[in-house]
Full PDB file with SEQRES, HELIX, SHEET, SSBOND, CRYST1, ORIGX, SCALE, CONECT and MASTER records, all heavy atoms in Angstrom:
SEQRES   1 A   41  LEU ARG THR LEU SER ASP ALA GLU LEU GLU ALA GLN HIS          
SEQRES   2 A   41  ASP ASN LYS ALA SER SER THR GLU MET GLY LEU SER TYR          
SEQRES   3 A   41  TYR LEU ASP GLU MET ARG ALA ARG GLN GLN THR LYS ILE          
SEQRES   4 A   41  ASN GLU                                                      
HELIX    1 AA1 ASP A    6  ALA A   17  1                                  12    
HELIX    2 AA2 LEU A   24  ASN A   40  1                                  17    
CRYST1    1.000    1.000    1.000  90.00  90.00  90.00 P 1           1          
ORIGX1      1.000000  0.000000  0.000000        0.00000                         
ORIGX2      0.000000  1.000000  0.000000        0.00000                         
ORIGX3      0.000000  0.000000  1.000000        0.00000                         
SCALE1      1.000000  0.000000  0.000000        0.00000                         
SCALE2      0.000000  1.000000  0.000000        0.00000                         
SCALE3      0.000000  0.000000  1.000000        0.00000                         
ATOM      1  N   LEU A   1     117.840 -35.375 -42.317  1.00  0.00           N  
ATOM      2  CA  LEU A   1     118.527 -34.410 -43.187  1.00  0.00           C  
ATOM      3  C   LEU A   1     119.692 -33.708 -42.438  1.00  0.00           C  
ATOM      4  O   LEU A   1     120.774 -33.521 -43.005  1.00  0.00           O  
ATOM      5  CB  LEU A   1     117.518 -33.395 -43.681  1.00  0.00           C  
ATOM      6  CG  LEU A   1     117.939 -32.488 -44.804  1.00  0.00           C  
ATOM      7  CD1 LEU A   1     118.258 -33.278 -46.010  1.00  0.00           C  
ATOM      8  CD2 LEU A   1     116.825 -31.512 -45.143  1.00  0.00           C  
ATOM      9  N   ARG A   2     119.461 -33.355 -41.187  1.00  0.00           N  
ATOM     10  CA  ARG A   2     120.488 -32.662 -40.418  1.00  0.00           C  
ATOM     11  C   ARG A   2     121.649 -33.566 -40.061  1.00  0.00           C  
ATOM     12  O   ARG A   2     122.755 -33.071 -39.811  1.00  0.00           O  
ATOM     13  CB  ARG A   2     119.856 -32.066 -39.184  1.00  0.00           C  
ATOM     14  CG  ARG A   2     118.960 -30.902 -39.505  1.00  0.00           C  
ATOM     15  CD  ARG A   2     118.434 -30.236 -38.276  1.00  0.00           C  
ATOM     16  NE  ARG A   2     117.544 -29.149 -38.681  1.00  0.00           N  
ATOM     17  CZ  ARG A   2     116.388 -28.837 -38.154  1.00  0.00           C  
ATOM     18  NH1 ARG A   2     115.892 -29.631 -37.133  1.00  0.00           N  
ATOM     19  NH2 ARG A   2     115.697 -27.826 -38.558  1.00  0.00           N  
ATOM     20  N   THR A   3     121.429 -34.869 -40.048  1.00  0.00           N  
ATOM     21  CA  THR A   3     122.513 -35.809 -39.720  1.00  0.00           C  
ATOM     22  C   THR A   3     123.406 -36.131 -40.919  1.00  0.00           C  
ATOM     23  O   THR A   3     124.471 -36.734 -40.768  1.00  0.00           O  
ATOM     24  CB  THR A   3     121.994 -37.125 -39.127  1.00  0.00           C  
ATOM     25  OG1 THR A   3     121.188 -37.711 -40.054  1.00  0.00           O  
ATOM     26  CG2 THR A   3     121.242 -36.833 -37.822  1.00  0.00           C  
ATOM     27  N   LEU A   4     122.975 -35.775 -42.146  1.00  0.00           N  
ATOM     28  CA  LEU A   4     123.728 -36.093 -43.345  1.00  0.00           C  
ATOM     29  C   LEU A   4     125.009 -35.204 -43.362  1.00  0.00           C  
ATOM     30  O   LEU A   4     124.972 -34.015 -43.028  1.00  0.00           O  
ATOM     31  CB  LEU A   4     122.951 -35.839 -44.610  1.00  0.00           C  
ATOM     32  CG  LEU A   4     121.817 -36.782 -44.894  1.00  0.00           C  
ATOM     33  CD1 LEU A   4     121.010 -36.264 -46.127  1.00  0.00           C  
ATOM     34  CD2 LEU A   4     122.284 -38.197 -45.144  1.00  0.00           C  
ATOM     35  N   SER A   5     126.119 -35.782 -43.802  1.00  0.00           N  
ATOM     36  CA  SER A   5     127.330 -34.997 -44.021  1.00  0.00           C  
ATOM     37  C   SER A   5     127.127 -34.134 -45.293  1.00  0.00           C  
ATOM     38  O   SER A   5     126.253 -34.440 -46.064  1.00  0.00           O  
ATOM     39  CB  SER A   5     128.550 -35.876 -44.132  1.00  0.00           C  
ATOM     40  OG  SER A   5     128.494 -36.599 -45.346  1.00  0.00           O  
ATOM     41  N   ASP A   6     128.050 -33.188 -45.475  1.00  0.00           N  
ATOM     42  CA  ASP A   6     128.009 -32.376 -46.708  1.00  0.00           C  
ATOM     43  C   ASP A   6     128.115 -33.255 -47.923  1.00  0.00           C  
ATOM     44  O   ASP A   6     127.430 -33.065 -48.927  1.00  0.00           O  
ATOM     45  CB  ASP A   6     129.069 -31.304 -46.680  1.00  0.00           C  
ATOM     46  CG  ASP A   6     128.764 -30.213 -45.654  1.00  0.00           C  
ATOM     47  OD1 ASP A   6     127.684 -30.098 -45.110  1.00  0.00           O  
ATOM     48  OD2 ASP A   6     129.714 -29.420 -45.402  1.00  0.00           O  
ATOM     49  N   ALA A   7     129.047 -34.245 -47.827  1.00  0.00           N  
ATOM     50  CA  ALA A   7     129.289 -35.125 -49.003  1.00  0.00           C  
ATOM     51  C   ALA A   7     128.047 -35.974 -49.319  1.00  0.00           C  
ATOM     52  O   ALA A   7     127.640 -36.158 -50.456  1.00  0.00           O  
ATOM     53  CB  ALA A   7     130.447 -36.016 -48.736  1.00  0.00           C  
ATOM     54  N   GLU A   8     127.374 -36.493 -48.242  1.00  0.00           N  
ATOM     55  CA  GLU A   8     126.181 -37.235 -48.433  1.00  0.00           C  
ATOM     56  C   GLU A   8     125.013 -36.387 -49.010  1.00  0.00           C  
ATOM     57  O   GLU A   8     124.290 -36.806 -49.908  1.00  0.00           O  
ATOM     58  CB  GLU A   8     125.681 -37.829 -47.125  1.00  0.00           C  
ATOM     59  CG  GLU A   8     126.616 -38.945 -46.566  1.00  0.00           C  
ATOM     60  CD  GLU A   8     126.270 -39.374 -45.148  1.00  0.00           C  
ATOM     61  OE1 GLU A   8     125.816 -38.529 -44.404  1.00  0.00           O  
ATOM     62  OE2 GLU A   8     126.431 -40.532 -44.849  1.00  0.00           O  
ATOM     63  N   LEU A   9     124.896 -35.164 -48.543  1.00  0.00           N  
ATOM     64  CA  LEU A   9     123.918 -34.244 -49.034  1.00  0.00           C  
ATOM     65  C   LEU A   9     124.140 -33.947 -50.471  1.00  0.00           C  
ATOM     66  O   LEU A   9     123.223 -33.943 -51.298  1.00  0.00           O  
ATOM     67  CB  LEU A   9     123.906 -32.999 -48.187  1.00  0.00           C  
ATOM     68  CG  LEU A   9     122.734 -32.016 -48.358  1.00  0.00           C  
ATOM     69  CD1 LEU A   9     121.430 -32.685 -48.078  1.00  0.00           C  
ATOM     70  CD2 LEU A   9     122.888 -30.842 -47.450  1.00  0.00           C  
ATOM     71  N   GLU A  10     125.396 -33.680 -50.873  1.00  0.00           N  
ATOM     72  CA  GLU A  10     125.724 -33.395 -52.235  1.00  0.00           C  
ATOM     73  C   GLU A  10     125.370 -34.645 -53.117  1.00  0.00           C  
ATOM     74  O   GLU A  10     124.855 -34.510 -54.274  1.00  0.00           O  
ATOM     75  CB  GLU A  10     127.175 -33.069 -52.386  1.00  0.00           C  
ATOM     76  CG  GLU A  10     127.465 -31.628 -51.894  1.00  0.00           C  
ATOM     77  CD  GLU A  10     128.950 -31.254 -51.973  1.00  0.00           C  
ATOM     78  OE1 GLU A  10     129.703 -32.005 -52.655  1.00  0.00           O  
ATOM     79  OE2 GLU A  10     129.381 -30.306 -51.339  1.00  0.00           O  
ATOM     80  N   ALA A  11     125.719 -35.799 -52.650  1.00  0.00           N  
ATOM     81  CA  ALA A  11     125.456 -37.064 -53.435  1.00  0.00           C  
ATOM     82  C   ALA A  11     123.880 -37.224 -53.616  1.00  0.00           C  
ATOM     83  O   ALA A  11     123.486 -37.587 -54.701  1.00  0.00           O  
ATOM     84  CB  ALA A  11     126.018 -38.267 -52.669  1.00  0.00           C  
ATOM     85  N   GLN A  12     123.158 -36.964 -52.604  1.00  0.00           N  
ATOM     86  CA  GLN A  12     121.696 -37.034 -52.695  1.00  0.00           C  
ATOM     87  C   GLN A  12     121.161 -36.012 -53.722  1.00  0.00           C  
ATOM     88  O   GLN A  12     120.326 -36.369 -54.503  1.00  0.00           O  
ATOM     89  CB  GLN A  12     121.012 -36.814 -51.353  1.00  0.00           C  
ATOM     90  CG  GLN A  12     121.174 -37.960 -50.381  1.00  0.00           C  
ATOM     91  CD  GLN A  12     120.412 -39.193 -50.837  1.00  0.00           C  
ATOM     92  OE1 GLN A  12     119.351 -39.134 -51.445  1.00  0.00           O  
ATOM     93  NE2 GLN A  12     120.957 -40.354 -50.532  1.00  0.00           N  
ATOM     94  N   HIS A  13     121.696 -34.843 -53.681  1.00  0.00           N  
ATOM     95  CA  HIS A  13     121.301 -33.774 -54.627  1.00  0.00           C  
ATOM     96  C   HIS A  13     121.601 -34.215 -56.048  1.00  0.00           C  
ATOM     97  O   HIS A  13     120.752 -34.130 -56.949  1.00  0.00           O  
ATOM     98  CB  HIS A  13     122.018 -32.478 -54.265  1.00  0.00           C  
ATOM     99  CG  HIS A  13     121.721 -31.429 -55.286  1.00  0.00           C  
ATOM    100  ND1 HIS A  13     122.513 -31.286 -56.439  1.00  0.00           N  
ATOM    101  CD2 HIS A  13     120.769 -30.425 -55.378  1.00  0.00           C  
ATOM    102  CE1 HIS A  13     122.067 -30.316 -57.182  1.00  0.00           C  
ATOM    103  NE2 HIS A  13     120.992 -29.748 -56.566  1.00  0.00           N  
ATOM    104  N   ASP A  14     122.857 -34.653 -56.297  1.00  0.00           N  
ATOM    105  CA  ASP A  14     123.296 -35.036 -57.617  1.00  0.00           C  
ATOM    106  C   ASP A  14     122.445 -36.210 -58.138  1.00  0.00           C  
ATOM    107  O   ASP A  14     122.125 -36.243 -59.354  1.00  0.00           O  
ATOM    108  CB  ASP A  14     124.744 -35.349 -57.643  1.00  0.00           C  
ATOM    109  CG  ASP A  14     125.641 -34.123 -57.396  1.00  0.00           C  
ATOM    110  OD1 ASP A  14     125.076 -32.993 -57.443  1.00  0.00           O  
ATOM    111  OD2 ASP A  14     126.813 -34.265 -57.132  1.00  0.00           O  
ATOM    112  N   ASN A  15     122.083 -37.090 -57.293  1.00  0.00           N  
ATOM    113  CA  ASN A  15     121.282 -38.242 -57.655  1.00  0.00           C  
ATOM    114  C   ASN A  15     119.896 -37.811 -58.113  1.00  0.00           C  
ATOM    115  O   ASN A  15     119.349 -38.300 -59.158  1.00  0.00           O  
ATOM    116  CB  ASN A  15     121.172 -39.239 -56.525  1.00  0.00           C  
ATOM    117  CG  ASN A  15     120.481 -40.481 -56.888  1.00  0.00           C  
ATOM    118  OD1 ASN A  15     120.449 -40.864 -58.064  1.00  0.00           O  
ATOM    119  ND2 ASN A  15     119.963 -41.210 -55.867  1.00  0.00           N  
ATOM    120  N   LYS A  16     119.293 -36.897 -57.383  1.00  0.00           N  
ATOM    121  CA  LYS A  16     117.932 -36.424 -57.721  1.00  0.00           C  
ATOM    122  C   LYS A  16     117.958 -35.468 -58.926  1.00  0.00           C  
ATOM    123  O   LYS A  16     116.988 -35.330 -59.674  1.00  0.00           O  
ATOM    124  CB  LYS A  16     117.318 -35.717 -56.502  1.00  0.00           C  
ATOM    125  CG  LYS A  16     117.052 -36.595 -55.331  1.00  0.00           C  
ATOM    126  CD  LYS A  16     116.010 -37.587 -55.558  1.00  0.00           C  
ATOM    127  CE  LYS A  16     115.770 -38.395 -54.263  1.00  0.00           C  
ATOM    128  NZ  LYS A  16     114.999 -39.548 -54.467  1.00  0.00           N  
ATOM    129  N   ALA A  17     119.074 -34.684 -59.052  1.00  0.00           N  
ATOM    130  CA  ALA A  17     119.132 -33.667 -60.078  1.00  0.00           C  
ATOM    131  C   ALA A  17     119.076 -34.236 -61.469  1.00  0.00           C  
ATOM    132  O   ALA A  17     118.562 -33.530 -62.412  1.00  0.00           O  
ATOM    133  CB  ALA A  17     120.421 -32.887 -59.929  1.00  0.00           C  
ATOM    134  N   SER A  18     119.477 -35.423 -61.664  1.00  0.00           N  
ATOM    135  CA  SER A  18     119.489 -35.985 -63.007  1.00  0.00           C  
ATOM    136  C   SER A  18     118.101 -36.334 -63.534  1.00  0.00           C  
ATOM    137  O   SER A  18     117.893 -36.425 -64.741  1.00  0.00           O  
ATOM    138  CB  SER A  18     120.376 -37.286 -63.055  1.00  0.00           C  
ATOM    139  OG  SER A  18     119.822 -38.270 -62.218  1.00  0.00           O  
ATOM    140  N   SER A  19     117.165 -36.399 -62.611  1.00  0.00           N  
ATOM    141  CA  SER A  19     115.786 -36.727 -63.059  1.00  0.00           C  
ATOM    142  C   SER A  19     114.788 -35.643 -62.676  1.00  0.00           C  
ATOM    143  O   SER A  19     113.597 -35.869 -62.665  1.00  0.00           O  
ATOM    144  CB  SER A  19     115.376 -38.039 -62.448  1.00  0.00           C  
ATOM    145  OG  SER A  19     115.330 -37.972 -61.029  1.00  0.00           O  
ATOM    146  N   THR A  20     115.293 -34.431 -62.370  1.00  0.00           N  
ATOM    147  CA  THR A  20     114.388 -33.383 -61.936  1.00  0.00           C  
ATOM    148  C   THR A  20     114.563 -32.157 -62.780  1.00  0.00           C  
ATOM    149  O   THR A  20     115.680 -31.804 -63.206  1.00  0.00           O  
ATOM    150  CB  THR A  20     114.781 -32.916 -60.471  1.00  0.00           C  
ATOM    151  OG1 THR A  20     114.709 -34.104 -59.637  1.00  0.00           O  
ATOM    152  CG2 THR A  20     113.875 -31.894 -59.919  1.00  0.00           C  
ATOM    153  N   GLU A  21     113.472 -31.529 -63.119  1.00  0.00           N  
ATOM    154  CA  GLU A  21     113.547 -30.285 -63.881  1.00  0.00           C  
ATOM    155  C   GLU A  21     113.321 -29.106 -62.896  1.00  0.00           C  
ATOM    156  O   GLU A  21     112.382 -29.084 -62.119  1.00  0.00           O  
ATOM    157  CB  GLU A  21     112.385 -30.191 -64.970  1.00  0.00           C  
ATOM    158  CG  GLU A  21     112.558 -29.053 -65.904  1.00  0.00           C  
ATOM    159  CD  GLU A  21     111.602 -29.167 -67.059  1.00  0.00           C  
ATOM    160  OE1 GLU A  21     111.391 -30.243 -67.599  1.00  0.00           O  
ATOM    161  OE2 GLU A  21     111.088 -28.114 -67.421  1.00  0.00           O  
ATOM    162  N   MET A  22     114.226 -28.151 -62.979  1.00  0.00           N  
ATOM    163  CA  MET A  22     114.217 -27.051 -61.990  1.00  0.00           C  
ATOM    164  C   MET A  22     113.532 -25.799 -62.616  1.00  0.00           C  
ATOM    165  O   MET A  22     113.677 -25.536 -63.816  1.00  0.00           O  
ATOM    166  CB  MET A  22     115.638 -26.743 -61.559  1.00  0.00           C  
ATOM    167  CG  MET A  22     116.438 -27.923 -61.013  1.00  0.00           C  
ATOM    168  SD  MET A  22     115.537 -28.866 -59.743  1.00  0.00           S  
ATOM    169  CE  MET A  22     115.407 -27.635 -58.445  1.00  0.00           C  
ATOM    170  N   GLY A  23     112.910 -25.057 -61.760  1.00  0.00           N  
ATOM    171  CA  GLY A  23     112.359 -23.769 -62.160  1.00  0.00           C  
ATOM    172  C   GLY A  23     113.328 -22.628 -61.989  1.00  0.00           C  
ATOM    173  O   GLY A  23     114.418 -22.810 -61.539  1.00  0.00           O  
ATOM    174  N   LEU A  24     112.822 -21.449 -62.230  1.00  0.00           N  
ATOM    175  CA  LEU A  24     113.700 -20.242 -62.120  1.00  0.00           C  
ATOM    176  C   LEU A  24     114.131 -20.029 -60.697  1.00  0.00           C  
ATOM    177  O   LEU A  24     115.243 -19.470 -60.485  1.00  0.00           O  
ATOM    178  CB  LEU A  24     112.952 -19.026 -62.672  1.00  0.00           C  
ATOM    179  CG  LEU A  24     112.725 -19.041 -64.184  1.00  0.00           C  
ATOM    180  CD1 LEU A  24     111.940 -17.747 -64.542  1.00  0.00           C  
ATOM    181  CD2 LEU A  24     114.042 -19.039 -64.939  1.00  0.00           C  
ATOM    182  N   SER A  25     113.310 -20.327 -59.756  1.00  0.00           N  
ATOM    183  CA  SER A  25     113.664 -20.034 -58.325  1.00  0.00           C  
ATOM    184  C   SER A  25     114.923 -20.817 -57.957  1.00  0.00           C  
ATOM    185  O   SER A  25     115.699 -20.355 -57.118  1.00  0.00           O  
ATOM    186  CB  SER A  25     112.514 -20.422 -57.416  1.00  0.00           C  
ATOM    187  OG  SER A  25     112.209 -21.759 -57.431  1.00  0.00           O  
ATOM    188  N   TYR A  26     115.170 -21.930 -58.568  1.00  0.00           N  
ATOM    189  CA  TYR A  26     116.382 -22.770 -58.258  1.00  0.00           C  
ATOM    190  C   TYR A  26     117.650 -21.891 -58.537  1.00  0.00           C  
ATOM    191  O   TYR A  26     118.509 -21.805 -57.740  1.00  0.00           O  
ATOM    192  CB  TYR A  26     116.366 -23.979 -59.127  1.00  0.00           C  
ATOM    193  CG  TYR A  26     117.564 -24.879 -58.946  1.00  0.00           C  
ATOM    194  CD1 TYR A  26     117.716 -25.725 -57.849  1.00  0.00           C  
ATOM    195  CD2 TYR A  26     118.559 -24.906 -59.943  1.00  0.00           C  
ATOM    196  CE1 TYR A  26     118.795 -26.537 -57.700  1.00  0.00           C  
ATOM    197  CE2 TYR A  26     119.658 -25.721 -59.821  1.00  0.00           C  
ATOM    198  CZ  TYR A  26     119.799 -26.569 -58.679  1.00  0.00           C  
ATOM    199  OH  TYR A  26     120.919 -27.361 -58.616  1.00  0.00           O  
ATOM    200  N   TYR A  27     117.644 -21.229 -59.689  1.00  0.00           N  
ATOM    201  CA  TYR A  27     118.754 -20.445 -60.106  1.00  0.00           C  
ATOM    202  C   TYR A  27     118.849 -19.142 -59.289  1.00  0.00           C  
ATOM    203  O   TYR A  27     119.931 -18.643 -58.912  1.00  0.00           O  
ATOM    204  CB  TYR A  27     118.722 -20.130 -61.599  1.00  0.00           C  
ATOM    205  CG  TYR A  27     118.743 -21.348 -62.435  1.00  0.00           C  
ATOM    206  CD1 TYR A  27     117.589 -21.958 -62.976  1.00  0.00           C  
ATOM    207  CD2 TYR A  27     119.938 -21.990 -62.608  1.00  0.00           C  
ATOM    208  CE1 TYR A  27     117.608 -23.093 -63.697  1.00  0.00           C  
ATOM    209  CE2 TYR A  27     119.993 -23.216 -63.360  1.00  0.00           C  
ATOM    210  CZ  TYR A  27     118.839 -23.748 -63.874  1.00  0.00           C  
ATOM    211  OH  TYR A  27     118.912 -24.880 -64.600  1.00  0.00           O  
ATOM    212  N   LEU A  28     117.674 -18.559 -58.992  1.00  0.00           N  
ATOM    213  CA  LEU A  28     117.628 -17.357 -58.161  1.00  0.00           C  
ATOM    214  C   LEU A  28     118.204 -17.653 -56.777  1.00  0.00           C  
ATOM    215  O   LEU A  28     118.938 -16.844 -56.174  1.00  0.00           O  
ATOM    216  CB  LEU A  28     116.229 -16.777 -58.079  1.00  0.00           C  
ATOM    217  CG  LEU A  28     115.697 -16.166 -59.414  1.00  0.00           C  
ATOM    218  CD1 LEU A  28     114.248 -15.798 -59.171  1.00  0.00           C  
ATOM    219  CD2 LEU A  28     116.520 -14.989 -59.853  1.00  0.00           C  
ATOM    220  N   ASP A  29     117.797 -18.775 -56.231  1.00  0.00           N  
ATOM    221  CA  ASP A  29     118.301 -19.161 -54.909  1.00  0.00           C  
ATOM    222  C   ASP A  29     119.765 -19.314 -54.874  1.00  0.00           C  
ATOM    223  O   ASP A  29     120.503 -18.991 -53.953  1.00  0.00           O  
ATOM    224  CB  ASP A  29     117.615 -20.484 -54.412  1.00  0.00           C  
ATOM    225  CG  ASP A  29     116.196 -20.318 -54.055  1.00  0.00           C  
ATOM    226  OD1 ASP A  29     115.751 -19.111 -53.899  1.00  0.00           O  
ATOM    227  OD2 ASP A  29     115.455 -21.254 -53.994  1.00  0.00           O  
ATOM    228  N   GLU A  30     120.315 -19.945 -55.953  1.00  0.00           N  
ATOM    229  CA  GLU A  30     121.789 -20.121 -56.051  1.00  0.00           C  
ATOM    230  C   GLU A  30     122.496 -18.820 -56.153  1.00  0.00           C  
ATOM    231  O   GLU A  30     123.548 -18.573 -55.543  1.00  0.00           O  
ATOM    232  CB  GLU A  30     122.157 -21.027 -57.241  1.00  0.00           C  
ATOM    233  CG  GLU A  30     123.634 -21.261 -57.440  1.00  0.00           C  
ATOM    234  CD  GLU A  30     124.327 -21.910 -56.240  1.00  0.00           C  
ATOM    235  OE1 GLU A  30     123.697 -22.643 -55.498  1.00  0.00           O  
ATOM    236  OE2 GLU A  30     125.556 -21.695 -56.089  1.00  0.00           O  
ATOM    237  N   MET A  31     121.934 -17.850 -56.966  1.00  0.00           N  
ATOM    238  CA  MET A  31     122.550 -16.581 -57.054  1.00  0.00           C  
ATOM    239  C   MET A  31     122.522 -15.775 -55.720  1.00  0.00           C  
ATOM    240  O   MET A  31     123.481 -15.164 -55.356  1.00  0.00           O  
ATOM    241  CB  MET A  31     121.816 -15.728 -58.184  1.00  0.00           C  
ATOM    242  CG  MET A  31     122.117 -16.283 -59.549  1.00  0.00           C  
ATOM    243  SD  MET A  31     121.454 -15.358 -60.965  1.00  0.00           S  
ATOM    244  CE  MET A  31     120.134 -14.414 -60.434  1.00  0.00           C  
ATOM    245  N   ARG A  32     121.380 -15.937 -55.037  1.00  0.00           N  
ATOM    246  CA  ARG A  32     121.305 -15.320 -53.688  1.00  0.00           C  
ATOM    247  C   ARG A  32     122.313 -15.877 -52.745  1.00  0.00           C  
ATOM    248  O   ARG A  32     122.922 -15.198 -51.935  1.00  0.00           O  
ATOM    249  CB  ARG A  32     119.934 -15.480 -53.104  1.00  0.00           C  
ATOM    250  CG  ARG A  32     118.967 -14.436 -53.539  1.00  0.00           C  
ATOM    251  CD  ARG A  32     117.594 -14.498 -52.759  1.00  0.00           C  
ATOM    252  NE  ARG A  32     116.528 -14.186 -53.684  1.00  0.00           N  
ATOM    253  CZ  ARG A  32     115.715 -15.024 -54.248  1.00  0.00           C  
ATOM    254  NH1 ARG A  32     115.809 -16.306 -53.962  1.00  0.00           N  
ATOM    255  NH2 ARG A  32     114.825 -14.643 -55.096  1.00  0.00           N  
ATOM    256  N   ALA A  33     122.496 -17.209 -52.743  1.00  0.00           N  
ATOM    257  CA  ALA A  33     123.488 -17.883 -51.880  1.00  0.00           C  
ATOM    258  C   ALA A  33     124.896 -17.402 -52.136  1.00  0.00           C  
ATOM    259  O   ALA A  33     125.640 -17.112 -51.245  1.00  0.00           O  
ATOM    260  CB  ALA A  33     123.369 -19.375 -52.032  1.00  0.00           C  
ATOM    261  N   ARG A  34     125.236 -17.303 -53.420  1.00  0.00           N  
ATOM    262  CA  ARG A  34     126.535 -16.796 -53.820  1.00  0.00           C  
ATOM    263  C   ARG A  34     126.746 -15.347 -53.360  1.00  0.00           C  
ATOM    264  O   ARG A  34     127.769 -14.966 -52.892  1.00  0.00           O  
ATOM    265  CB  ARG A  34     126.764 -16.935 -55.313  1.00  0.00           C  
ATOM    266  CG  ARG A  34     126.887 -18.422 -55.761  1.00  0.00           C  
ATOM    267  CD  ARG A  34     127.077 -18.496 -57.243  1.00  0.00           C  
ATOM    268  NE  ARG A  34     127.034 -19.925 -57.610  1.00  0.00           N  
ATOM    269  CZ  ARG A  34     127.484 -20.374 -58.726  1.00  0.00           C  
ATOM    270  NH1 ARG A  34     127.972 -19.520 -59.644  1.00  0.00           N  
ATOM    271  NH2 ARG A  34     127.415 -21.621 -59.044  1.00  0.00           N  
ATOM    272  N   GLN A  35     125.700 -14.519 -53.602  1.00  0.00           N  
ATOM    273  CA  GLN A  35     125.791 -13.116 -53.161  1.00  0.00           C  
ATOM    274  C   GLN A  35     125.912 -13.032 -51.660  1.00  0.00           C  
ATOM    275  O   GLN A  35     126.713 -12.220 -51.174  1.00  0.00           O  
ATOM    276  CB  GLN A  35     124.545 -12.377 -53.618  1.00  0.00           C  
ATOM    277  CG  GLN A  35     124.522 -10.925 -53.304  1.00  0.00           C  
ATOM    278  CD  GLN A  35     123.310 -10.201 -53.784  1.00  0.00           C  
ATOM    279  OE1 GLN A  35     122.204 -10.799 -53.859  1.00  0.00           O  
ATOM    280  NE2 GLN A  35     123.389  -8.944 -54.012  1.00  0.00           N  
ATOM    281  N   GLN A  36     125.209 -13.893 -50.923  1.00  0.00           N  
ATOM    282  CA  GLN A  36     125.322 -13.843 -49.494  1.00  0.00           C  
ATOM    283  C   GLN A  36     126.737 -14.262 -49.005  1.00  0.00           C  
ATOM    284  O   GLN A  36     127.237 -13.709 -48.044  1.00  0.00           O  
ATOM    285  CB  GLN A  36     124.295 -14.732 -48.814  1.00  0.00           C  
ATOM    286  CG  GLN A  36     124.193 -14.635 -47.306  1.00  0.00           C  
ATOM    287  CD  GLN A  36     123.823 -13.267 -46.858  1.00  0.00           C  
ATOM    288  OE1 GLN A  36     122.864 -12.655 -47.396  1.00  0.00           O  
ATOM    289  NE2 GLN A  36     124.519 -12.694 -45.896  1.00  0.00           N  
ATOM    290  N   THR A  37     127.302 -15.216 -49.695  1.00  0.00           N  
ATOM    291  CA  THR A  37     128.679 -15.687 -49.381  1.00  0.00           C  
ATOM    292  C   THR A  37     129.640 -14.508 -49.592  1.00  0.00           C  
ATOM    293  O   THR A  37     130.519 -14.316 -48.748  1.00  0.00           O  
ATOM    294  CB  THR A  37     129.067 -16.915 -50.242  1.00  0.00           C  
ATOM    295  OG1 THR A  37     128.173 -17.941 -49.927  1.00  0.00           O  
ATOM    296  CG2 THR A  37     130.481 -17.287 -49.932  1.00  0.00           C  
ATOM    297  N   LYS A  38     129.452 -13.804 -50.686  1.00  0.00           N  
ATOM    298  CA  LYS A  38     130.335 -12.651 -50.961  1.00  0.00           C  
ATOM    299  C   LYS A  38     130.182 -11.574 -49.919  1.00  0.00           C  
ATOM    300  O   LYS A  38     131.114 -10.959 -49.433  1.00  0.00           O  
ATOM    301  CB  LYS A  38     130.015 -12.084 -52.362  1.00  0.00           C  
ATOM    302  CG  LYS A  38     130.877 -10.939 -52.804  1.00  0.00           C  
ATOM    303  CD  LYS A  38     130.475 -10.467 -54.187  1.00  0.00           C  
ATOM    304  CE  LYS A  38     131.301  -9.256 -54.603  1.00  0.00           C  
ATOM    305  NZ  LYS A  38     130.902  -8.705 -55.823  1.00  0.00           N  
ATOM    306  N   ILE A  39     128.963 -11.292 -49.561  1.00  0.00           N  
ATOM    307  CA  ILE A  39     128.698 -10.263 -48.525  1.00  0.00           C  
ATOM    308  C   ILE A  39     129.301 -10.679 -47.172  1.00  0.00           C  
ATOM    309  O   ILE A  39     129.903  -9.865 -46.473  1.00  0.00           O  
ATOM    310  CB  ILE A  39     127.144 -10.002 -48.354  1.00  0.00           C  
ATOM    311  CG1 ILE A  39     126.627  -9.294 -49.590  1.00  0.00           C  
ATOM    312  CG2 ILE A  39     126.840  -9.233 -47.122  1.00  0.00           C  
ATOM    313  CD1 ILE A  39     125.116  -9.215 -49.697  1.00  0.00           C  
ATOM    314  N   ASN A  40     129.201 -11.949 -46.829  1.00  0.00           N  
ATOM    315  CA  ASN A  40     129.727 -12.445 -45.602  1.00  0.00           C  
ATOM    316  C   ASN A  40     131.255 -12.237 -45.601  1.00  0.00           C  
ATOM    317  O   ASN A  40     131.863 -11.896 -44.541  1.00  0.00           O  
ATOM    318  CB  ASN A  40     129.386 -13.911 -45.362  1.00  0.00           C  
ATOM    319  CG  ASN A  40     127.939 -14.088 -45.015  1.00  0.00           C  
ATOM    320  OD1 ASN A  40     127.244 -13.152 -44.613  1.00  0.00           O  
ATOM    321  ND2 ASN A  40     127.470 -15.341 -45.119  1.00  0.00           N  
ATOM    322  N   GLU A  41     131.921 -12.558 -46.683  1.00  0.00           N  
ATOM    323  CA  GLU A  41     133.339 -12.359 -46.764  1.00  0.00           C  
ATOM    324  C   GLU A  41     133.702 -10.902 -46.638  1.00  0.00           C  
ATOM    325  O   GLU A  41     134.736 -10.518 -45.964  1.00  0.00           O  
ATOM    326  CB  GLU A  41     133.909 -12.946 -48.093  1.00  0.00           C  
ATOM    327  CG  GLU A  41     135.377 -12.810 -48.261  1.00  0.00           C  
ATOM    328  CD  GLU A  41     136.206 -13.462 -47.184  1.00  0.00           C  
ATOM    329  OE1 GLU A  41     135.739 -14.397 -46.491  1.00  0.00           O  
ATOM    330  OE2 GLU A  41     137.376 -13.015 -47.005  1.00  0.00           O  
TER     331      GLU A  41                                                      
MASTER        0    0    0    2    0    0    0    6  330    1    0    4          
END                                                                             
């Protein structure tokens, strides 16, 4: 996992996302990540 490039990781995510149902924590994690990015800036 650590050896994957960002593009490879995104491709793996997009491949799995089409057949996966996400829970609420998925969206909460994304909101936290965006908030953390804003705080870092």
